[in-house]
Amino acid sequence: MKFYIGLDVHSKRTTFCIQDAHGQPVATGEFETTAASFRDFVRQYELPEGTVVALEPIHRWLPSPFVSRQLSILGLCPHVPP
């Protein structure tokens, strides 16, 4: 199954929404903004490699490089809109 994910990343917590290929919500929630929590998130929802993950546009303080790197390591495709 193909999923699309949106993340709202903050320094301590990350909020997520997972939608199916038809745009229907599959799950929403939040987790800690840590490498271990990103791994757990991918495992819990059995996200396939190549899943697109949209991130909020980069803010000065946002840990986007960290988050993008973690998502890439886990086989997902981070996308930050301009």
N, C-alpha and C. Protein backbone atom coordinates (compact mmCIF):
# COMPACT_ATOMS: atom_id res chain seq x y z
N MET A 1 0.85 -1.18 0.00
CA MET A 1 0.00 0.00 0.00
C MET A 1 0.89 1.24 0.00
N LYS A 2 0.48 2.23 -0.74
CA LYS A 2 1.23 3.48 -0.83
C LYS A 2 0.68 4.47 0.19
N PHE A 3 1.60 5.12 0.91
CA PHE A 3 1.23 6.10 1.91
C PHE A 3 1.88 7.44 1.59
N TYR A 4 1.27 8.49 2.11
CA TYR A 4 1.86 9.82 2.12
C TYR A 4 1.85 10.29 3.56
N ILE A 5 2.94 10.93 3.98
CA ILE A 5 3.06 11.33 5.37
C ILE A 5 3.40 12.81 5.45
N GLY A 6 2.77 13.48 6.39
CA GLY A 6 3.11 14.86 6.70
C GLY A 6 3.64 14.92 8.12
N LEU A 7 4.75 15.63 8.31
CA LEU A 7 5.34 15.79 9.63
C LEU A 7 5.42 17.27 9.98
N ASP A 8 5.07 17.58 11.22
CA ASP A 8 5.27 18.90 11.78
C ASP A 8 6.31 18.70 12.88
N VAL A 9 7.55 19.04 12.59
CA VAL A 9 8.67 18.73 13.47
C VAL A 9 8.98 19.90 14.38
N HIS A 10 9.13 19.60 15.64
CA HIS A 10 9.57 20.56 16.64
C HIS A 10 10.76 19.96 17.38
N SER A 11 11.44 20.74 18.16
CA SER A 11 12.67 20.27 18.78
C SER A 11 12.46 19.05 19.69
N LYS A 12 11.32 18.94 20.33
CA LYS A 12 11.10 17.82 21.25
C LYS A 12 10.07 16.81 20.76
N ARG A 13 9.07 17.25 20.03
CA ARG A 13 7.99 16.36 19.57
C ARG A 13 7.72 16.57 18.09
N THR A 14 7.28 15.51 17.43
CA THR A 14 6.91 15.55 16.02
C THR A 14 5.49 15.04 15.89
N THR A 15 4.64 15.81 15.21
CA THR A 15 3.27 15.41 14.95
C THR A 15 3.20 14.85 13.53
N PHE A 16 2.40 13.79 13.34
CA PHE A 16 2.33 13.18 12.01
C PHE A 16 0.89 12.92 11.58
N CYS A 17 0.72 12.83 10.27
CA CYS A 17 -0.51 12.39 9.65
C CYS A 17 -0.12 11.46 8.50
N ILE A 18 -0.70 10.28 8.48
CA ILE A 18 -0.46 9.32 7.39
C ILE A 18 -1.74 9.21 6.59
N GLN A 19 -1.62 9.34 5.26
CA GLN A 19 -2.77 9.18 4.38
C GLN A 19 -2.49 8.07 3.39
N ASP A 20 -3.55 7.41 2.93
CA ASP A 20 -3.39 6.39 1.91
C ASP A 20 -3.32 7.06 0.53
N ALA A 21 -3.22 6.27 -0.51
CA ALA A 21 -3.07 6.79 -1.87
C ALA A 21 -4.28 7.61 -2.33
N HIS A 22 -5.42 7.46 -1.63
CA HIS A 22 -6.62 8.20 -1.99
C HIS A 22 -6.81 9.44 -1.12
N GLY A 23 -5.83 9.73 -0.25
CA GLY A 23 -5.90 10.89 0.61
C GLY A 23 -6.71 10.68 1.87
N GLN A 24 -7.08 9.43 2.14
CA GLN A 24 -7.84 9.12 3.35
C GLN A 24 -6.89 8.95 4.53
N PRO A 25 -7.21 9.55 5.67
CA PRO A 25 -6.34 9.42 6.84
C PRO A 25 -6.25 7.96 7.30
N VAL A 26 -5.03 7.55 7.62
CA VAL A 26 -4.77 6.20 8.14
C VAL A 26 -4.44 6.29 9.63
N ALA A 27 -3.64 7.29 9.99
CA ALA A 27 -3.24 7.46 11.39
C ALA A 27 -2.74 8.88 11.62
N THR A 28 -2.91 9.35 12.83
CA THR A 28 -2.34 10.62 13.27
C THR A 28 -1.79 10.43 14.68
N GLY A 29 -0.88 11.28 15.06
CA GLY A 29 -0.32 11.18 16.40
C GLY A 29 0.94 12.00 16.53
N GLU A 30 1.73 11.65 17.54
CA GLU A 30 2.99 12.34 17.74
C GLU A 30 3.98 11.40 18.41
N PHE A 31 5.26 11.76 18.28
CA PHE A 31 6.33 11.01 18.91
C PHE A 31 7.49 11.96 19.19
N GLU A 32 8.45 11.49 19.98
CA GLU A 32 9.62 12.30 20.29
C GLU A 32 10.46 12.50 19.04
N THR A 33 11.11 13.64 18.93
CA THR A 33 11.98 13.93 17.79
C THR A 33 13.38 13.38 18.10
N THR A 34 13.48 12.04 18.00
CA THR A 34 14.75 11.34 18.21
C THR A 34 14.92 10.29 17.13
N ALA A 35 16.15 9.88 16.90
CA ALA A 35 16.42 8.86 15.88
C ALA A 35 15.67 7.57 16.23
N ALA A 36 15.67 7.17 17.49
CA ALA A 36 14.99 5.94 17.90
C ALA A 36 13.49 6.03 17.65
N SER A 37 12.90 7.18 17.92
CA SER A 37 11.46 7.34 17.69
C SER A 37 11.11 7.32 16.22
N PHE A 38 11.98 7.87 15.36
CA PHE A 38 11.73 7.78 13.92
C PHE A 38 11.78 6.32 13.47
N ARG A 39 12.75 5.55 13.97
CA ARG A 39 12.82 4.11 13.64
C ARG A 39 11.55 3.39 14.09
N ASP A 40 11.12 3.66 15.32
CA ASP A 40 9.91 3.02 15.84
C ASP A 40 8.69 3.39 15.01
N PHE A 41 8.60 4.64 14.61
CA PHE A 41 7.48 5.12 13.80
C PHE A 41 7.41 4.35 12.47
N VAL A 42 8.54 4.21 11.79
CA VAL A 42 8.58 3.50 10.51
C VAL A 42 8.20 2.03 10.70
N ARG A 43 8.71 1.41 11.74
CA ARG A 43 8.38 0.00 12.01
C ARG A 43 6.92 -0.18 12.38
N GLN A 44 6.42 0.68 13.28
CA GLN A 44 5.04 0.55 13.75
C GLN A 44 4.04 0.59 12.60
N TYR A 45 4.25 1.49 11.66
CA TYR A 45 3.30 1.65 10.55
C TYR A 45 3.74 0.90 9.30
N GLU A 46 4.82 0.12 9.41
CA GLU A 46 5.32 -0.69 8.29
C GLU A 46 5.39 0.13 7.00
N LEU A 47 6.05 1.28 7.10
CA LEU A 47 6.14 2.19 5.96
C LEU A 47 7.12 1.63 4.93
N PRO A 48 6.68 1.47 3.70
CA PRO A 48 7.56 0.92 2.67
C PRO A 48 8.64 1.92 2.23
N GLU A 49 9.76 1.38 1.78
CA GLU A 49 10.82 2.23 1.23
C GLU A 49 10.26 3.11 0.14
N GLY A 50 10.76 4.33 0.09
CA GLY A 50 10.32 5.26 -0.95
C GLY A 50 9.10 6.07 -0.58
N THR A 51 8.54 5.84 0.60
CA THR A 51 7.38 6.62 1.02
C THR A 51 7.75 8.09 1.10
N VAL A 52 6.92 8.95 0.53
CA VAL A 52 7.15 10.39 0.53
C VAL A 52 6.72 10.97 1.88
N VAL A 53 7.61 11.77 2.47
CA VAL A 53 7.33 12.40 3.75
C VAL A 53 7.50 13.91 3.57
N ALA A 54 6.40 14.65 3.69
CA ALA A 54 6.44 16.10 3.57
C ALA A 54 6.76 16.72 4.92
N LEU A 55 7.71 17.64 4.92
CA LEU A 55 8.10 18.35 6.13
C LEU A 55 7.68 19.81 5.99
N GLU A 56 7.39 20.44 7.12
CA GLU A 56 7.11 21.87 7.11
C GLU A 56 8.31 22.60 6.50
N PRO A 57 8.09 23.74 5.86
CA PRO A 57 9.23 24.51 5.35
C PRO A 57 10.25 24.79 6.45
N ILE A 58 11.49 24.87 6.06
CA ILE A 58 12.58 25.02 7.02
C ILE A 58 12.49 26.35 7.76
N HIS A 59 12.59 26.25 9.05
CA HIS A 59 12.69 27.43 9.92
C HIS A 59 14.12 27.47 10.44
N ARG A 60 14.53 28.59 10.93
CA ARG A 60 15.90 28.73 11.43
C ARG A 60 16.27 27.67 12.45
N TRP A 61 15.38 27.39 13.38
CA TRP A 61 15.71 26.50 14.49
C TRP A 61 15.33 25.05 14.22
N LEU A 62 14.56 24.80 13.18
CA LEU A 62 14.04 23.46 12.92
C LEU A 62 15.16 22.47 12.63
N PRO A 63 15.10 21.30 13.22
CA PRO A 63 16.15 20.30 12.99
C PRO A 63 15.95 19.55 11.68
N SER A 64 15.64 20.28 10.60
CA SER A 64 15.37 19.64 9.31
C SER A 64 16.51 18.77 8.79
N PRO A 65 17.77 19.21 8.85
CA PRO A 65 18.83 18.32 8.37
C PRO A 65 18.85 17.00 9.14
N PHE A 66 18.66 17.05 10.45
CA PHE A 66 18.61 15.84 11.26
C PHE A 66 17.45 14.96 10.82
N VAL A 67 16.26 15.55 10.69
CA VAL A 67 15.07 14.79 10.32
C VAL A 67 15.21 14.21 8.91
N SER A 68 15.64 15.02 7.96
CA SER A 68 15.83 14.53 6.59
C SER A 68 16.82 13.38 6.54
N ARG A 69 17.90 13.50 7.29
CA ARG A 69 18.90 12.43 7.33
C ARG A 69 18.31 11.15 7.92
N GLN A 70 17.56 11.26 9.02
CA GLN A 70 16.97 10.08 9.65
C GLN A 70 15.98 9.41 8.70
N LEU A 71 15.15 10.19 8.04
CA LEU A 71 14.17 9.63 7.10
C LEU A 71 14.87 8.93 5.94
N SER A 72 15.92 9.54 5.42
CA SER A 72 16.67 8.93 4.32
C SER A 72 17.33 7.63 4.75
N ILE A 73 17.91 7.61 5.93
CA ILE A 73 18.53 6.39 6.45
C ILE A 73 17.51 5.26 6.53
N LEU A 74 16.27 5.62 6.86
CA LEU A 74 15.20 4.62 6.99
C LEU A 74 14.54 4.27 5.66
N GLY A 75 15.04 4.83 4.57
CA GLY A 75 14.54 4.49 3.24
C GLY A 75 13.35 5.31 2.77
N LEU A 76 13.02 6.36 3.50
CA LEU A 76 11.90 7.22 3.11
C LEU A 76 12.43 8.40 2.30
N CYS A 77 11.52 9.12 1.65
CA CYS A 77 11.89 10.25 0.79
C CYS A 77 11.39 11.57 1.38
N PRO A 78 12.23 12.26 2.14
CA PRO A 78 11.81 13.53 2.70
C PRO A 78 11.64 14.60 1.63
N HIS A 79 10.62 15.42 1.80
CA HIS A 79 10.34 16.49 0.85
C HIS A 79 9.99 17.75 1.64
N VAL A 80 10.72 18.82 1.41
CA VAL A 80 10.44 20.11 2.04
C VAL A 80 9.98 21.05 0.95
N PRO A 81 8.72 21.47 0.99
CA PRO A 81 8.24 22.39 -0.04
C PRO A 81 8.96 23.73 0.06
N PRO A 82 9.09 24.42 -1.08
CA PRO A 82 9.76 25.73 -1.08
C PRO A 82 9.00 26.77 -0.31
